[in-house]
Amino acid sequence: MLRTNFISLLLLIWRLSTVFIFPVIIYFYLHLMTFYTDGFTFQQLDQGSNMHKGAVVVVYVIYLLIWKSLNKKVNDYLKKFEYS
């Protein structure tokens, strides 16, 4: 019972990662830009050029493509442990 609930939790986290990765991408993008330019803030990202917004969206789309390609394998792998 506990194993089934744990596997279900892992599957839920895997599915929700498509939503929760977006703030993580923004966080790391801000730190990366702060490394190259002094004082780059979220406000500058939000109100700045579309290049920054586009870069964040491109990274998110790449994550979604990777997620989609791995989704069936991850689901099969976790479900294998659910019934073993």
N, C-alpha and C. Protein backbone atom coordinates (compact mmCIF):
# COMPACT_ATOMS: atom_id res chain seq x y z
N MET A 1 0.83 -1.20 0.00
CA MET A 1 0.00 0.00 0.00
C MET A 1 0.86 1.25 0.00
N LEU A 2 1.86 1.26 0.88
CA LEU A 2 2.73 2.42 0.96
C LEU A 2 3.53 2.60 -0.33
N ARG A 3 3.97 1.48 -0.89
CA ARG A 3 4.72 1.54 -2.14
C ARG A 3 3.86 2.09 -3.27
N THR A 4 2.61 1.68 -3.35
CA THR A 4 1.69 2.17 -4.38
C THR A 4 1.46 3.66 -4.23
N ASN A 5 1.28 4.11 -3.00
CA ASN A 5 1.08 5.55 -2.78
C ASN A 5 2.33 6.34 -3.13
N PHE A 6 3.49 5.80 -2.83
CA PHE A 6 4.74 6.48 -3.14
C PHE A 6 4.94 6.58 -4.65
N ILE A 7 4.65 5.51 -5.37
CA ILE A 7 4.76 5.52 -6.83
C ILE A 7 3.77 6.52 -7.42
N SER A 8 2.57 6.56 -6.88
CA SER A 8 1.58 7.53 -7.36
C SER A 8 2.04 8.97 -7.12
N LEU A 9 2.67 9.19 -5.97
CA LEU A 9 3.21 10.51 -5.66
C LEU A 9 4.32 10.89 -6.64
N LEU A 10 5.20 9.95 -6.94
CA LEU A 10 6.27 10.21 -7.90
C LEU A 10 5.71 10.51 -9.29
N LEU A 11 4.68 9.79 -9.70
CA LEU A 11 4.05 10.07 -10.99
C LEU A 11 3.40 11.45 -11.01
N LEU A 12 2.77 11.82 -9.91
CA LEU A 12 2.17 13.15 -9.83
C LEU A 12 3.23 14.25 -9.90
N ILE A 13 4.32 14.06 -9.18
CA ILE A 13 5.41 15.04 -9.21
C ILE A 13 5.98 15.14 -10.62
N TRP A 14 6.13 13.99 -11.29
CA TRP A 14 6.64 13.98 -12.66
C TRP A 14 5.72 14.78 -13.59
N ARG A 15 4.41 14.60 -13.44
CA ARG A 15 3.47 15.33 -14.30
C ARG A 15 3.45 16.82 -13.97
N LEU A 16 3.50 17.15 -12.69
CA LEU A 16 3.46 18.55 -12.28
C LEU A 16 4.77 19.28 -12.57
N SER A 17 5.82 18.55 -12.85
CA SER A 17 7.10 19.20 -13.14
C SER A 17 7.01 20.09 -14.37
N THR A 18 6.07 19.80 -15.27
CA THR A 18 5.91 20.65 -16.45
C THR A 18 5.41 22.03 -16.08
N VAL A 19 4.75 22.14 -14.95
CA VAL A 19 4.25 23.44 -14.49
C VAL A 19 5.28 24.12 -13.59
N PHE A 20 5.83 23.37 -12.67
CA PHE A 20 6.72 23.96 -11.67
C PHE A 20 8.13 24.24 -12.18
N ILE A 21 8.47 23.77 -13.36
CA ILE A 21 9.80 24.03 -13.89
C ILE A 21 9.92 25.46 -14.40
N PHE A 22 8.82 26.08 -14.77
CA PHE A 22 8.88 27.44 -15.33
C PHE A 22 9.48 28.45 -14.35
N PRO A 23 9.04 28.52 -13.08
CA PRO A 23 9.71 29.43 -12.15
C PRO A 23 11.17 29.07 -11.90
N VAL A 24 11.50 27.78 -11.97
CA VAL A 24 12.89 27.36 -11.79
C VAL A 24 13.74 27.87 -12.95
N ILE A 25 13.21 27.79 -14.15
CA ILE A 25 13.92 28.30 -15.33
C ILE A 25 14.15 29.80 -15.19
N ILE A 26 13.13 30.52 -14.78
CA ILE A 26 13.26 31.98 -14.60
C ILE A 26 14.31 32.29 -13.54
N TYR A 27 14.28 31.56 -12.43
CA TYR A 27 15.25 31.77 -11.36
C TYR A 27 16.68 31.59 -11.86
N PHE A 28 16.94 30.50 -12.56
CA PHE A 28 18.29 30.25 -13.06
C PHE A 28 18.68 31.22 -14.16
N TYR A 29 17.72 31.64 -14.97
CA TYR A 29 18.00 32.62 -16.01
C TYR A 29 18.41 33.96 -15.39
N LEU A 30 17.71 34.36 -14.34
CA LEU A 30 18.07 35.61 -13.65
C LEU A 30 19.47 35.53 -13.05
N HIS A 31 19.81 34.39 -12.47
CA HIS A 31 21.15 34.26 -11.90
C HIS A 31 22.22 34.22 -12.99
N LEU A 32 21.90 33.59 -14.10
CA LEU A 32 22.84 33.57 -15.22
C LEU A 32 23.06 34.97 -15.77
N MET A 33 21.99 35.72 -15.93
CA MET A 33 22.11 37.09 -16.46
C MET A 33 22.77 38.01 -15.44
N THR A 34 22.57 37.80 -14.16
CA THR A 34 23.24 38.59 -13.14
C THR A 34 24.74 38.34 -13.18
N PHE A 35 25.14 37.12 -13.53
CA PHE A 35 26.55 36.79 -13.65
C PHE A 35 27.18 37.60 -14.79
N TYR A 36 26.46 37.79 -15.89
CA TYR A 36 27.00 38.51 -17.05
C TYR A 36 26.79 40.02 -16.97
N THR A 37 25.68 40.45 -16.38
CA THR A 37 25.40 41.88 -16.25
C THR A 37 25.08 42.17 -14.79
N ASP A 38 25.52 43.29 -14.29
CA ASP A 38 25.29 43.62 -12.89
C ASP A 38 23.84 44.03 -12.65
N GLY A 39 23.23 43.44 -11.64
CA GLY A 39 21.92 43.87 -11.19
C GLY A 39 20.77 43.54 -12.11
N PHE A 40 20.81 42.43 -12.82
CA PHE A 40 19.68 42.03 -13.67
C PHE A 40 18.58 41.50 -12.77
N THR A 41 17.39 42.08 -12.85
CA THR A 41 16.29 41.73 -11.95
C THR A 41 15.13 41.14 -12.74
N PHE A 42 14.17 40.60 -11.99
CA PHE A 42 12.96 40.08 -12.62
C PHE A 42 12.19 41.18 -13.32
N GLN A 43 12.21 42.37 -12.75
CA GLN A 43 11.52 43.51 -13.37
C GLN A 43 12.11 43.80 -14.76
N GLN A 44 13.42 43.71 -14.88
CA GLN A 44 14.04 43.92 -16.19
C GLN A 44 13.67 42.80 -17.15
N LEU A 45 13.55 41.59 -16.65
CA LEU A 45 13.12 40.48 -17.49
C LEU A 45 11.69 40.67 -17.94
N ASP A 46 10.84 41.09 -17.02
CA ASP A 46 9.42 41.25 -17.30
C ASP A 46 9.15 42.42 -18.25
N GLN A 47 9.83 43.54 -18.04
CA GLN A 47 9.57 44.73 -18.84
C GLN A 47 10.62 44.96 -19.93
N GLY A 48 11.59 44.10 -20.00
CA GLY A 48 12.70 44.29 -20.93
C GLY A 48 12.40 43.79 -22.33
N SER A 49 13.46 43.49 -23.03
CA SER A 49 13.33 43.10 -24.44
C SER A 49 12.71 41.71 -24.55
N ASN A 50 12.17 41.47 -25.70
CA ASN A 50 11.56 40.17 -25.95
C ASN A 50 12.59 39.07 -26.10
N MET A 51 13.86 39.43 -26.28
CA MET A 51 14.91 38.44 -26.38
C MET A 51 15.01 37.63 -25.09
N HIS A 52 14.93 38.31 -23.94
CA HIS A 52 15.01 37.61 -22.65
C HIS A 52 13.79 36.72 -22.45
N LYS A 53 12.62 37.25 -22.77
CA LYS A 53 11.40 36.46 -22.62
C LYS A 53 11.43 35.26 -23.57
N GLY A 54 11.91 35.50 -24.77
CA GLY A 54 12.00 34.43 -25.76
C GLY A 54 12.97 33.35 -25.32
N ALA A 55 14.08 33.75 -24.70
CA ALA A 55 15.06 32.76 -24.24
C ALA A 55 14.45 31.86 -23.16
N VAL A 56 13.69 32.45 -22.26
CA VAL A 56 13.04 31.67 -21.20
C VAL A 56 12.02 30.71 -21.81
N VAL A 57 11.25 31.18 -22.77
CA VAL A 57 10.23 30.34 -23.41
C VAL A 57 10.90 29.21 -24.20
N VAL A 58 12.00 29.51 -24.88
CA VAL A 58 12.70 28.47 -25.64
C VAL A 58 13.23 27.38 -24.71
N VAL A 59 13.80 27.76 -23.58
CA VAL A 59 14.28 26.76 -22.62
C VAL A 59 13.11 25.93 -22.09
N TYR A 60 11.97 26.57 -21.84
CA TYR A 60 10.79 25.85 -21.37
C TYR A 60 10.28 24.88 -22.42
N VAL A 61 10.25 25.29 -23.67
CA VAL A 61 9.79 24.41 -24.74
C VAL A 61 10.76 23.23 -24.91
N ILE A 62 12.05 23.47 -24.78
CA ILE A 62 13.02 22.38 -24.84
C ILE A 62 12.77 21.39 -23.70
N TYR A 63 12.49 21.91 -22.50
CA TYR A 63 12.18 21.02 -21.37
C TYR A 63 10.93 20.21 -21.68
N LEU A 64 9.90 20.84 -22.25
CA LEU A 64 8.67 20.11 -22.56
C LEU A 64 8.91 19.02 -23.60
N LEU A 65 9.76 19.30 -24.58
CA LEU A 65 10.07 18.28 -25.58
C LEU A 65 10.83 17.11 -24.97
N ILE A 66 11.76 17.40 -24.09
CA ILE A 66 12.49 16.34 -23.39
C ILE A 66 11.53 15.56 -22.50
N TRP A 67 10.65 16.28 -21.80
CA TRP A 67 9.68 15.63 -20.92
C TRP A 67 8.78 14.70 -21.72
N LYS A 68 8.31 15.17 -22.86
CA LYS A 68 7.42 14.37 -23.69
C LYS A 68 8.12 13.12 -24.21
N SER A 69 9.37 13.24 -24.56
CA SER A 69 10.09 12.07 -25.07
C SER A 69 10.38 11.05 -23.96
N LEU A 70 10.52 11.52 -22.73
CA LEU A 70 10.81 10.61 -21.60
C LEU A 70 9.56 10.15 -20.86
N ASN A 71 8.42 10.74 -21.13
CA ASN A 71 7.22 10.49 -20.33
C ASN A 71 6.82 9.02 -20.33
N LYS A 72 6.74 8.40 -21.48
CA LYS A 72 6.32 7.00 -21.54
C LYS A 72 7.32 6.10 -20.81
N LYS A 73 8.61 6.37 -20.95
CA LYS A 73 9.62 5.54 -20.28
C LYS A 73 9.53 5.69 -18.77
N VAL A 74 9.35 6.92 -18.29
CA VAL A 74 9.25 7.15 -16.85
C VAL A 74 7.99 6.50 -16.29
N ASN A 75 6.87 6.65 -16.99
CA ASN A 75 5.63 6.03 -16.53
C ASN A 75 5.76 4.51 -16.47
N ASP A 76 6.32 3.92 -17.51
CA ASP A 76 6.49 2.46 -17.52
C ASP A 76 7.44 2.01 -16.41
N TYR A 77 8.52 2.74 -16.21
CA TYR A 77 9.48 2.39 -15.17
C TYR A 77 8.87 2.44 -13.78
N LEU A 78 8.11 3.50 -13.49
CA LEU A 78 7.50 3.63 -12.17
C LEU A 78 6.38 2.61 -11.97
N LYS A 79 5.62 2.35 -13.01
CA LYS A 79 4.52 1.38 -12.87
C LYS A 79 5.05 -0.05 -12.72
N LYS A 80 6.24 -0.30 -13.23
CA LYS A 80 6.85 -1.61 -13.06
C LYS A 80 7.11 -1.86 -11.57
N PHE A 81 7.52 -0.84 -10.83
CA PHE A 81 7.76 -1.00 -9.40
C PHE A 81 6.48 -1.01 -8.59
N GLU A 82 5.42 -0.47 -9.16
CA GLU A 82 4.16 -0.44 -8.43
C GLU A 82 3.60 -1.85 -8.22
N TYR A 83 3.80 -2.72 -9.19
CA TYR A 83 3.20 -4.05 -9.12
C TYR A 83 4.20 -5.16 -8.81
N SER A 84 5.43 -4.78 -8.51
CA SER A 84 6.42 -5.83 -8.21
C SER A 84 6.55 -6.06 -6.73
